[in-house]
Amino acid sequence: MSADPSRTARLIELLNLTQAQMAERLGVAQATVSRLVNGQRESGPVAILLDAMEREAPRQRVEGGGPVPAGAEIAR
């Protein structure tokens, strides 16, 4: 599976995480997250975890995008 650098970067921004925090959630080194952001192929387990994080992330419904502020209610 090829990497989608924008997917990893988008999740980091959406969840308001640093690369180090994302790495901790994924159970990988921060260098691995950096490589994903820069286009390295996702391994099977990392891709599965990113898929799960993507499904769980709040969906931005405000025009203009950007991360959802902490405590904001999200229309589902």
Foldseek 3Di string as FASTA:
>chain_A
DWADLCLLVVLCFQVVHDLCVVCVQLVHHSVVSVVSNVIHGDDPSSVVSSVVSVVVGADDDDPPDTHDDPPDDGDD
